[in-house]
Amino acid sequence: MVVLACAASPSLARPVAEESKTVVDDIEKCWAAVIGASGCIQDVFSSFFTGRIHLSAQCCAAIKGISDNCFTKIFPFLGVGYNPLLKGFCVAQSGAAPPPAA
């Protein structure tokens, strides 16, 4: 029987742990935007699965404040292209002019 053992230096593990904490902190900040809007998460999922976007004004306010980077962290399976669709819906609902193209 051969037993292999590997000991990692604590100093090598620390950067990975700090990076993981940063990622978790980022995700928590992203979630905070939509969790505060009652029913928003359900509205986003329902809109995706039914193919008909329906978001409350409160949810739209939250969605407008979410960056594409945040959106893909909290809704990774929806894809980066879905966030602009939701934002476009919200802009149309508010009657405001759309933001300039990037």
PDB file of N, CA and C in Angstrom:
ATOM      1  N   MET A   1       0.848  -1.171   0.000  1.00  0.00           N
ATOM      2  CA  MET A   1       0.000   0.000   0.000  1.00  0.00           C
ATOM      3  C   MET A   1       0.895   1.236   0.000  1.00  0.00           C
ATOM      4  N   VAL A   2       0.565   2.166  -0.845  1.00  0.00           N
ATOM      5  CA  VAL A   2       1.324   3.405  -0.934  1.00  0.00           C
ATOM      6  C   VAL A   2       0.412   4.536  -0.492  1.00  0.00           C
ATOM      7  N   VAL A   3       0.904   5.338   0.414  1.00  0.00           N
ATOM      8  CA  VAL A   3       0.148   6.477   0.909  1.00  0.00           C
ATOM      9  C   VAL A   3       0.878   7.736   0.486  1.00  0.00           C
ATOM     10  N   LEU A   4       0.169   8.593  -0.210  1.00  0.00           N
ATOM     11  CA  LEU A   4       0.765   9.846  -0.631  1.00  0.00           C
ATOM     12  C   LEU A   4       0.247  10.956   0.261  1.00  0.00           C
ATOM     13  N   ALA A   5       1.130  11.788   0.687  1.00  0.00           N
ATOM     14  CA  ALA A   5       0.737  12.911   1.531  1.00  0.00           C
ATOM     15  C   ALA A   5       1.301  14.187   0.938  1.00  0.00           C
ATOM     16  N   CYS A   6       0.529  15.219   1.004  1.00  0.00           N
ATOM     17  CA  CYS A   6       0.971  16.502   0.473  1.00  0.00           C
ATOM     18  C   CYS A   6       0.613  17.566   1.493  1.00  0.00           C
ATOM     19  N   ALA A   7       1.582  18.342   1.886  1.00  0.00           N
ATOM     20  CA  ALA A   7       1.342  19.412   2.856  1.00  0.00           C
ATOM     21  C   ALA A   7       1.533  20.741   2.156  1.00  0.00           C
ATOM     22  N   ALA A   8       0.529  21.560   2.195  1.00  0.00           N
ATOM     23  CA  ALA A   8       0.619  22.884   1.579  1.00  0.00           C
ATOM     24  C   ALA A   8       0.985  23.901   2.627  1.00  0.00           C
ATOM     25  N   SER A   9       1.773  24.828   2.219  1.00  0.00           N
ATOM     26  CA  SER A   9       2.171  25.907   3.114  1.00  0.00           C
ATOM     27  C   SER A   9       0.960  26.797   3.386  1.00  0.00           C
ATOM     28  N   PRO A  10       0.746  27.205   4.629  1.00  0.00           N
ATOM     29  CA  PRO A  10      -0.372  28.112   4.924  1.00  0.00           C
ATOM     30  C   PRO A  10      -0.281  29.406   4.129  1.00  0.00           C
ATOM     31  N   SER A  11       0.919  29.845   3.809  1.00  0.00           N
ATOM     32  CA  SER A  11       1.063  31.088   3.050  1.00  0.00           C
ATOM     33  C   SER A  11       0.568  30.918   1.615  1.00  0.00           C
ATOM     34  N   LEU A  12       0.609  29.695   1.073  1.00  0.00           N
ATOM     35  CA  LEU A  12       0.092  29.449  -0.265  1.00  0.00           C
ATOM     36  C   LEU A  12      -1.430  29.404  -0.266  1.00  0.00           C
ATOM     37  N   ALA A  13      -2.023  28.942   0.787  1.00  0.00           N
ATOM     38  CA  ALA A  13      -3.480  28.824   0.880  1.00  0.00           C
ATOM     39  C   ALA A  13      -4.153  30.177   1.118  1.00  0.00           C
ATOM     40  N   ARG A  14      -3.462  31.078   1.758  1.00  0.00           N
ATOM     41  CA  ARG A  14      -4.052  32.366   2.129  1.00  0.00           C
ATOM     42  C   ARG A  14      -4.544  33.171   0.928  1.00  0.00           C
ATOM     43  N   PRO A  15      -3.756  33.335  -0.173  1.00  0.00           N
ATOM     44  CA  PRO A  15      -4.285  34.123  -1.294  1.00  0.00           C
ATOM     45  C   PRO A  15      -5.550  33.523  -1.901  1.00  0.00           C
ATOM     46  N   VAL A  16      -5.640  32.210  -1.961  1.00  0.00           N
ATOM     47  CA  VAL A  16      -6.840  31.561  -2.501  1.00  0.00           C
ATOM     48  C   VAL A  16      -8.032  31.849  -1.595  1.00  0.00           C
ATOM     49  N   ALA A  17      -7.828  31.750  -0.287  1.00  0.00           N
ATOM     50  CA  ALA A  17      -8.908  32.021   0.665  1.00  0.00           C
ATOM     51  C   ALA A  17      -9.355  33.478   0.580  1.00  0.00           C
ATOM     52  N   GLU A  18      -8.402  34.399   0.453  1.00  0.00           N
ATOM     53  CA  GLU A  18      -8.757  35.819   0.353  1.00  0.00           C
ATOM     54  C   GLU A  18      -9.498  36.102  -0.949  1.00  0.00           C
ATOM     55  N   GLU A  19      -9.059  35.473  -2.039  1.00  0.00           N
ATOM     56  CA  GLU A  19      -9.735  35.644  -3.324  1.00  0.00           C
ATOM     57  C   GLU A  19     -11.158  35.095  -3.258  1.00  0.00           C
ATOM     58  N   SER A  20     -11.338  33.942  -2.627  1.00  0.00           N
ATOM     59  CA  SER A  20     -12.673  33.353  -2.481  1.00  0.00           C
ATOM     60  C   SER A  20     -13.577  34.261  -1.676  1.00  0.00           C
ATOM     61  N   LYS A  21     -13.035  34.860  -0.616  1.00  0.00           N
ATOM     62  CA  LYS A  21     -13.826  35.774   0.213  1.00  0.00           C
ATOM     63  C   LYS A  21     -14.254  36.985  -0.604  1.00  0.00           C
ATOM     64  N   THR A  22     -13.368  37.490  -1.455  1.00  0.00           N
ATOM     65  CA  THR A  22     -13.707  38.630  -2.301  1.00  0.00           C
ATOM     66  C   THR A  22     -14.827  38.272  -3.264  1.00  0.00           C
ATOM     67  N   VAL A  23     -14.769  37.095  -3.855  1.00  0.00           N
ATOM     68  CA  VAL A  23     -15.814  36.648  -4.777  1.00  0.00           C
ATOM     69  C   VAL A  23     -17.145  36.539  -4.043  1.00  0.00           C
ATOM     70  N   VAL A  24     -17.134  35.950  -2.858  1.00  0.00           N
ATOM     71  CA  VAL A  24     -18.360  35.816  -2.062  1.00  0.00           C
ATOM     72  C   VAL A  24     -18.905  37.189  -1.694  1.00  0.00           C
ATOM     73  N   ASP A  25     -18.035  38.112  -1.293  1.00  0.00           N
ATOM     74  CA  ASP A  25     -18.475  39.469  -0.960  1.00  0.00           C
ATOM     75  C   ASP A  25     -19.119  40.143  -2.168  1.00  0.00           C
ATOM     76  N   ASP A  26     -18.514  39.972  -3.345  1.00  0.00           N
ATOM     77  CA  ASP A  26     -19.073  40.557  -4.570  1.00  0.00           C
ATOM     78  C   ASP A  26     -20.465  40.002  -4.857  1.00  0.00           C
ATOM     79  N   ILE A  27     -20.616  38.700  -4.724  1.00  0.00           N
ATOM     80  CA  ILE A  27     -21.909  38.062  -4.989  1.00  0.00           C
ATOM     81  C   ILE A  27     -22.951  38.541  -3.990  1.00  0.00           C
ATOM     82  N   GLU A  28     -22.560  38.676  -2.718  1.00  0.00           N
ATOM     83  CA  GLU A  28     -23.503  39.172  -1.708  1.00  0.00           C
ATOM     84  C   GLU A  28     -23.964  40.580  -2.039  1.00  0.00           C
ATOM     85  N   LYS A  29     -23.058  41.444  -2.492  1.00  0.00           N
ATOM     86  CA  LYS A  29     -23.432  42.814  -2.871  1.00  0.00           C
ATOM     87  C   LYS A  29     -24.393  42.794  -4.061  1.00  0.00           C
ATOM     88  N   CYS A  30     -24.115  41.900  -5.013  1.00  0.00           N
ATOM     89  CA  CYS A  30     -24.988  41.792  -6.183  1.00  0.00           C
ATOM     90  C   CYS A  30     -26.391  41.329  -5.775  1.00  0.00           C
ATOM     91  N   TRP A  31     -26.471  40.326  -4.928  1.00  0.00           N
ATOM     92  CA  TRP A  31     -27.764  39.805  -4.474  1.00  0.00           C
ATOM     93  C   TRP A  31     -28.540  40.856  -3.692  1.00  0.00           C
ATOM     94  N   ALA A  32     -27.838  41.679  -2.923  1.00  0.00           N
ATOM     95  CA  ALA A  32     -28.505  42.679  -2.090  1.00  0.00           C
ATOM     96  C   ALA A  32     -29.404  43.592  -2.924  1.00  0.00           C
ATOM     97  N   ALA A  33     -29.001  43.885  -4.135  1.00  0.00           N
ATOM     98  CA  ALA A  33     -29.786  44.778  -4.990  1.00  0.00           C
ATOM     99  C   ALA A  33     -31.152  44.200  -5.322  1.00  0.00           C
ATOM    100  N   VAL A  34     -31.208  42.894  -5.619  1.00  0.00           N
ATOM    101  CA  VAL A  34     -32.493  42.312  -6.014  1.00  0.00           C
ATOM    102  C   VAL A  34     -33.288  41.751  -4.849  1.00  0.00           C
ATOM    103  N   ILE A  35     -32.620  41.367  -3.785  1.00  0.00           N
ATOM    104  CA  ILE A  35     -33.334  40.817  -2.631  1.00  0.00           C
ATOM    105  C   ILE A  35     -34.207  41.892  -1.980  1.00  0.00           C
ATOM    106  N   GLY A  36     -33.742  43.136  -2.027  1.00  0.00           N
ATOM    107  CA  GLY A  36     -34.508  44.231  -1.437  1.00  0.00           C
ATOM    108  C   GLY A  36     -35.788  44.550  -2.184  1.00  0.00           C
ATOM    109  N   ALA A  37     -35.887  44.114  -3.427  1.00  0.00           N
ATOM    110  CA  ALA A  37     -37.081  44.366  -4.238  1.00  0.00           C
ATOM    111  C   ALA A  37     -37.997  43.149  -4.133  1.00  0.00           C
ATOM    112  N   SER A  38     -39.074  43.292  -3.428  1.00  0.00           N
ATOM    113  CA  SER A  38     -39.994  42.183  -3.166  1.00  0.00           C
ATOM    114  C   SER A  38     -40.475  41.519  -4.462  1.00  0.00           C
ATOM    115  N   GLY A  39     -40.267  40.213  -4.551  1.00  0.00           N
ATOM    116  CA  GLY A  39     -40.738  39.442  -5.687  1.00  0.00           C
ATOM    117  C   GLY A  39     -39.878  39.546  -6.938  1.00  0.00           C
ATOM    118  N   CYS A  40     -38.805  40.288  -6.879  1.00  0.00           N
ATOM    119  CA  CYS A  40     -37.994  40.531  -8.071  1.00  0.00           C
ATOM    120  C   CYS A  40     -37.343  39.258  -8.603  1.00  0.00           C
ATOM    121  N   ILE A  41     -36.791  38.464  -7.726  1.00  0.00           N
ATOM    122  CA  ILE A  41     -36.129  37.237  -8.171  1.00  0.00           C
ATOM    123  C   ILE A  41     -37.137  36.333  -8.879  1.00  0.00           C
ATOM    124  N   GLN A  42     -38.315  36.192  -8.306  1.00  0.00           N
ATOM    125  CA  GLN A  42     -39.356  35.382  -8.922  1.00  0.00           C
ATOM    126  C   GLN A  42     -39.774  35.965 -10.271  1.00  0.00           C
ATOM    127  N   ASP A  43     -39.862  37.301 -10.352  1.00  0.00           N
ATOM    128  CA  ASP A  43     -40.232  37.949 -11.606  1.00  0.00           C
ATOM    129  C   ASP A  43     -39.200  37.684 -12.697  1.00  0.00           C
ATOM    130  N   VAL A  44     -37.915  37.737 -12.334  1.00  0.00           N
ATOM    131  CA  VAL A  44     -36.853  37.499 -13.320  1.00  0.00           C
ATOM    132  C   VAL A  44     -36.932  36.065 -13.829  1.00  0.00           C
ATOM    133  N   PHE A  45     -37.054  35.112 -12.908  1.00  0.00           N
ATOM    134  CA  PHE A  45     -37.145  33.711 -13.324  1.00  0.00           C
ATOM    135  C   PHE A  45     -38.403  33.470 -14.155  1.00  0.00           C
ATOM    136  N   SER A  46     -39.524  33.984 -13.713  1.00  0.00           N
ATOM    137  CA  SER A  46     -40.782  33.806 -14.436  1.00  0.00           C
ATOM    138  C   SER A  46     -40.681  34.401 -15.839  1.00  0.00           C
ATOM    139  N   SER A  47     -40.088  35.581 -15.944  1.00  0.00           N
ATOM    140  CA  SER A  47     -39.926  36.220 -17.248  1.00  0.00           C
ATOM    141  C   SER A  47     -39.075  35.361 -18.171  1.00  0.00           C
ATOM    142  N   PHE A  48     -38.029  34.797 -17.632  1.00  0.00           N
ATOM    143  CA  PHE A  48     -37.141  33.962 -18.434  1.00  0.00           C
ATOM    144  C   PHE A  48     -37.850  32.700 -18.913  1.00  0.00           C
ATOM    145  N   PHE A  49     -38.528  32.024 -18.000  1.00  0.00           N
ATOM    146  CA  PHE A  49     -39.130  30.735 -18.344  1.00  0.00           C
ATOM    147  C   PHE A  49     -40.395  30.857 -19.192  1.00  0.00           C
ATOM    148  N   THR A  50     -41.113  31.965 -19.071  1.00  0.00           N
ATOM    149  CA  THR A  50     -42.321  32.135 -19.875  1.00  0.00           C
ATOM    150  C   THR A  50     -42.042  32.858 -21.190  1.00  0.00           C
ATOM    151  N   GLY A  51     -40.910  33.540 -21.260  1.00  0.00           N
ATOM    152  CA  GLY A  51     -40.591  34.307 -22.466  1.00  0.00           C
ATOM    153  C   GLY A  51     -41.308  35.642 -22.531  1.00  0.00           C
ATOM    154  N   ARG A  52     -41.994  36.011 -21.459  1.00  0.00           N
ATOM    155  CA  ARG A  52     -42.697  37.296 -21.383  1.00  0.00           C
ATOM    156  C   ARG A  52     -42.183  38.055 -20.173  1.00  0.00           C
ATOM    157  N   ILE A  53     -41.545  39.179 -20.423  1.00  0.00           N
ATOM    158  CA  ILE A  53     -40.976  39.954 -19.323  1.00  0.00           C
ATOM    159  C   ILE A  53     -42.082  40.707 -18.604  1.00  0.00           C
ATOM    160  N   HIS A  54     -42.130  40.517 -17.312  1.00  0.00           N
ATOM    161  CA  HIS A  54     -43.066  41.230 -16.446  1.00  0.00           C
ATOM    162  C   HIS A  54     -42.354  41.496 -15.130  1.00  0.00           C
ATOM    163  N   LEU A  55     -42.002  42.750 -14.912  1.00  0.00           N
ATOM    164  CA  LEU A  55     -41.289  43.144 -13.695  1.00  0.00           C
ATOM    165  C   LEU A  55     -42.009  44.311 -13.049  1.00  0.00           C
ATOM    166  N   SER A  56     -42.033  44.314 -11.729  1.00  0.00           N
ATOM    167  CA  SER A  56     -42.632  45.429 -11.004  1.00  0.00           C
ATOM    168  C   SER A  56     -41.723  46.658 -11.108  1.00  0.00           C
ATOM    169  N   ALA A  57     -42.277  47.811 -10.786  1.00  0.00           N
ATOM    170  CA  ALA A  57     -41.478  49.042 -10.804  1.00  0.00           C
ATOM    171  C   ALA A  57     -40.307  48.935  -9.826  1.00  0.00           C
ATOM    172  N   GLN A  58     -40.548  48.310  -8.673  1.00  0.00           N
ATOM    173  CA  GLN A  58     -39.495  48.138  -7.676  1.00  0.00           C
ATOM    174  C   GLN A  58     -38.404  47.212  -8.215  1.00  0.00           C
ATOM    175  N   CYS A  59     -38.797  46.163  -8.898  1.00  0.00           N
ATOM    176  CA  CYS A  59     -37.839  45.240  -9.486  1.00  0.00           C
ATOM    177  C   CYS A  59     -37.053  45.935 -10.596  1.00  0.00           C
ATOM    178  N   CYS A  60     -37.735  46.730 -11.403  1.00  0.00           N
ATOM    179  CA  CYS A  60     -37.043  47.476 -12.454  1.00  0.00           C
ATOM    180  C   CYS A  60     -35.983  48.408 -11.875  1.00  0.00           C
ATOM    181  N   ALA A  61     -36.309  49.054 -10.787  1.00  0.00           N
ATOM    182  CA  ALA A  61     -35.320  49.934 -10.153  1.00  0.00           C
ATOM    183  C   ALA A  61     -34.089  49.137  -9.737  1.00  0.00           C
ATOM    184  N   ALA A  62     -34.303  47.940  -9.218  1.00  0.00           N
ATOM    185  CA  ALA A  62     -33.180  47.086  -8.817  1.00  0.00           C
ATOM    186  C   ALA A  62     -32.398  46.606 -10.036  1.00  0.00           C
ATOM    187  N   ILE A  63     -33.103  46.182 -11.071  1.00  0.00           N
ATOM    188  CA  ILE A  63     -32.468  45.668 -12.284  1.00  0.00           C
ATOM    189  C   ILE A  63     -31.626  46.750 -12.959  1.00  0.00           C
ATOM    190  N   LYS A  64     -32.144  47.966 -12.998  1.00  0.00           N
ATOM    191  CA  LYS A  64     -31.402  49.065 -13.621  1.00  0.00           C
ATOM    192  C   LYS A  64     -30.078  49.322 -12.910  1.00  0.00           C
ATOM    193  N   GLY A  65     -30.020  49.008 -11.628  1.00  0.00           N
ATOM    194  CA  GLY A  65     -28.802  49.247 -10.861  1.00  0.00           C
ATOM    195  C   GLY A  65     -27.805  48.104 -10.883  1.00  0.00           C
ATOM    196  N   ILE A  66     -28.134  47.015 -11.565  1.00  0.00           N
ATOM    197  CA  ILE A  66     -27.249  45.851 -11.586  1.00  0.00           C
ATOM    198  C   ILE A  66     -26.361  45.901 -12.827  1.00  0.00           C
ATOM    199  N   SER A  67     -25.071  45.809 -12.619  1.00  0.00           N
ATOM    200  CA  SER A  67     -24.144  45.767 -13.754  1.00  0.00           C
ATOM    201  C   SER A  67     -24.247  44.409 -14.433  1.00  0.00           C
ATOM    202  N   ASP A  68     -23.770  44.332 -15.685  1.00  0.00           N
ATOM    203  CA  ASP A  68     -23.764  43.048 -16.389  1.00  0.00           C
ATOM    204  C   ASP A  68     -22.931  42.035 -15.622  1.00  0.00           C
ATOM    205  N   ASN A  69     -21.841  42.491 -15.014  1.00  0.00           N
ATOM    206  CA  ASN A  69     -20.975  41.602 -14.236  1.00  0.00           C
ATOM    207  C   ASN A  69     -21.736  41.014 -13.050  1.00  0.00           C
ATOM    208  N   CYS A  70     -22.472  41.845 -12.340  1.00  0.00           N
ATOM    209  CA  CYS A  70     -23.273  41.370 -11.206  1.00  0.00           C
ATOM    210  C   CYS A  70     -24.368  40.429 -11.692  1.00  0.00           C
ATOM    211  N   PHE A  71     -25.021  40.790 -12.779  1.00  0.00           N
ATOM    212  CA  PHE A  71     -26.124  39.987 -13.278  1.00  0.00           C
ATOM    213  C   PHE A  71     -25.671  38.557 -13.555  1.00  0.00           C
ATOM    214  N   THR A  72     -24.514  38.404 -14.175  1.00  0.00           N
ATOM    215  CA  THR A  72     -24.037  37.056 -14.489  1.00  0.00           C
ATOM    216  C   THR A  72     -23.589  36.301 -13.244  1.00  0.00           C
ATOM    217  N   LYS A  73     -23.291  37.013 -12.168  1.00  0.00           N
ATOM    218  CA  LYS A  73     -22.931  36.335 -10.921  1.00  0.00           C
ATOM    219  C   LYS A  73     -24.166  35.785 -10.209  1.00  0.00           C
ATOM    220  N   ILE A  74     -25.268  36.521 -10.255  1.00  0.00           N
ATOM    221  CA  ILE A  74     -26.445  36.062  -9.523  1.00  0.00           C
ATOM    222  C   ILE A  74     -27.412  35.249 -10.393  1.00  0.00           C
ATOM    223  N   PHE A  75     -27.341  35.433 -11.695  1.00  0.00           N
ATOM    224  CA  PHE A  75     -28.164  34.656 -12.630  1.00  0.00           C
ATOM    225  C   PHE A  75     -27.261  34.083 -13.726  1.00  0.00           C
ATOM    226  N   PRO A  76     -26.296  33.248 -13.382  1.00  0.00           N
ATOM    227  CA  PRO A  76     -25.304  32.809 -14.367  1.00  0.00           C
ATOM    228  C   PRO A  76     -25.887  32.040 -15.550  1.00  0.00           C
ATOM    229  N   PHE A  77     -26.966  31.334 -15.351  1.00  0.00           N
ATOM    230  CA  PHE A  77     -27.531  30.512 -16.424  1.00  0.00           C
ATOM    231  C   PHE A  77     -28.374  31.325 -17.400  1.00  0.00           C
ATOM    232  N   LEU A  78     -28.710  32.558 -17.066  1.00  0.00           N
ATOM    233  CA  LEU A  78     -29.522  33.382 -17.957  1.00  0.00           C
ATOM    234  C   LEU A  78     -28.682  34.003 -19.065  1.00  0.00           C
ATOM    235  N   GLY A  79     -27.395  34.109 -18.848  1.00  0.00           N
ATOM    236  CA  GLY A  79     -26.509  34.670 -19.853  1.00  0.00           C
ATOM    237  C   GLY A  79     -26.437  36.183 -19.779  1.00  0.00           C
ATOM    238  N   VAL A  80     -25.355  36.695 -20.290  1.00  0.00           N
ATOM    239  CA  VAL A  80     -25.099  38.134 -20.215  1.00  0.00           C
ATOM    240  C   VAL A  80     -26.074  38.931 -21.079  1.00  0.00           C
ATOM    241  N   GLY A  81     -26.657  38.342 -22.088  1.00  0.00           N
ATOM    242  CA  GLY A  81     -27.564  39.057 -22.972  1.00  0.00           C
ATOM    243  C   GLY A  81     -28.943  39.315 -22.399  1.00  0.00           C
ATOM    244  N   TYR A  82     -29.299  38.646 -21.328  1.00  0.00           N
ATOM    245  CA  TYR A  82     -30.645  38.808 -20.771  1.00  0.00           C
ATOM    246  C   TYR A  82     -30.782  40.090 -19.952  1.00  0.00           C
ATOM    247  N   ASN A  83     -29.707  40.515 -19.311  1.00  0.00           N
ATOM    248  CA  ASN A  83     -29.746  41.733 -18.510  1.00  0.00           C
ATOM    249  C   ASN A  83     -30.129  42.946 -19.353  1.00  0.00           C
ATOM    250  N   PRO A  84     -29.534  43.157 -20.540  1.00  0.00           N
ATOM    251  CA  PRO A  84     -29.967  44.302 -21.356  1.00  0.00           C
ATOM    252  C   PRO A  84     -31.443  44.228 -21.772  1.00  0.00           C
ATOM    253  N   LEU A  85     -31.954  43.016 -21.970  1.00  0.00           N
ATOM    254  CA  LEU A  85     -33.378  42.875 -22.295  1.00  0.00           C
ATOM    255  C   LEU A  85     -34.244  43.356 -21.142  1.00  0.00           C
ATOM    256  N   LEU A  86     -33.891  42.942 -19.928  1.00  0.00           N
ATOM    257  CA  LEU A  86     -34.660  43.366 -18.758  1.00  0.00           C
ATOM    258  C   LEU A  86     -34.548  44.876 -18.562  1.00  0.00           C
ATOM    259  N   LYS A  87     -33.336  45.396 -18.712  1.00  0.00           N
ATOM    260  CA  LYS A  87     -33.152  46.848 -18.559  1.00  0.00           C
ATOM    261  C   LYS A  87     -33.941  47.608 -19.618  1.00  0.00           C
ATOM    262  N   GLY A  88     -33.945  47.091 -20.856  1.00  0.00           N
ATOM    263  CA  GLY A  88     -34.710  47.737 -21.919  1.00  0.00           C
ATOM    264  C   GLY A  88     -36.196  47.747 -21.607  1.00  0.00           C
ATOM    265  N   PHE A  89     -36.716  46.642 -21.062  1.00  0.00           N
ATOM    266  CA  PHE A  89     -38.109  46.573 -20.650  1.00  0.00           C
ATOM    267  C   PHE A  89     -38.391  47.649 -19.603  1.00  0.00           C
ATOM    268  N   CYS A  90     -37.497  47.745 -18.638  1.00  0.00           N
ATOM    269  CA  CYS A  90     -37.700  48.700 -17.546  1.00  0.00           C
ATOM    270  C   CYS A  90     -37.646  50.145 -18.032  1.00  0.00           C
ATOM    271  N   VAL A  91     -36.753  50.428 -18.960  1.00  0.00           N
ATOM    272  CA  VAL A  91     -36.686  51.780 -19.529  1.00  0.00           C
ATOM    273  C   VAL A  91     -37.984  52.087 -20.269  1.00  0.00           C
ATOM    274  N   ALA A  92     -38.484  51.133 -21.045  1.00  0.00           N
ATOM    275  CA  ALA A  92     -39.731  51.328 -21.781  1.00  0.00           C
ATOM    276  C   ALA A  92     -40.903  51.543 -20.834  1.00  0.00           C
ATOM    277  N   GLN A  93     -40.922  50.810 -19.726  1.00  0.00           N
ATOM    278  CA  GLN A  93     -42.008  50.934 -18.750  1.00  0.00           C
ATOM    279  C   GLN A  93     -41.990  52.290 -18.060  1.00  0.00           C
ATOM    280  N   SER A  94     -40.793  52.832 -17.846  1.00  0.00           N
ATOM    281  CA  SER A  94     -40.691  54.115 -17.147  1.00  0.00           C
ATOM    282  C   SER A  94     -40.882  55.307 -18.078  1.00  0.00           C
ATOM    283  N   GLY A  95     -40.813  55.059 -19.396  1.00  0.00           N
ATOM    284  CA  GLY A  95     -40.969  56.139 -20.353  1.00  0.00           C
ATOM    285  C   GLY A  95     -39.719  56.981 -20.489  1.00  0.00           C
ATOM    286  N   ALA A  96     -38.636  56.584 -19.836  1.00  0.00           N
ATOM    287  CA  ALA A  96     -37.390  57.335 -19.906  1.00  0.00           C
ATOM    288  C   ALA A  96     -36.665  56.999 -21.213  1.00  0.00           C
ATOM    289  N   ALA A  97     -35.813  57.899 -21.637  1.00  0.00           N
ATOM    290  CA  ALA A  97     -35.000  57.645 -22.823  1.00  0.00           C
ATOM    291  C   ALA A  97     -33.998  56.545 -22.509  1.00  0.00           C
ATOM    292  N   PRO A  98     -33.729  55.664 -23.475  1.00  0.00           N
ATOM    293  CA  PRO A  98     -32.764  54.597 -23.221  1.00  0.00           C
ATOM    294  C   PRO A  98     -31.360  55.171 -23.043  1.00  0.00           C
ATOM    295  N   PRO A  99     -30.531  54.464 -22.266  1.00  0.00           N
ATOM    296  CA  PRO A  99     -29.163  54.939 -22.072  1.00  0.00           C
ATOM    297  C   PRO A  99     -28.395  54.844 -23.393  1.00  0.00           C
ATOM    298  N   PRO A 100     -27.355  55.683 -23.545  1.00  0.00           N
ATOM    299  CA  PRO A 100     -26.574  55.621 -24.787  1.00  0.00           C
ATOM    300  C   PRO A 100     -25.894  54.267 -24.938  1.00  0.00           C
ATOM    301  N   ALA A 101     -25.769  53.830 -26.184  1.00  0.00           N
ATOM    302  CA  ALA A 101     -25.119  52.543 -26.454  1.00  0.00           C
ATOM    303  C   ALA A 101     -23.645  52.641 -26.102  1.00  0.00           C
ATOM    304  N   ALA A 102     -23.142  51.551 -25.505  1.00  0.00           N
ATOM    305  CA  ALA A 102     -21.731  51.541 -25.085  1.00  0.00           C
ATOM    306  C   ALA A 102     -20.849  51.128 -26.231  1.00  0.00           C
TER     307      ALA A 102
END
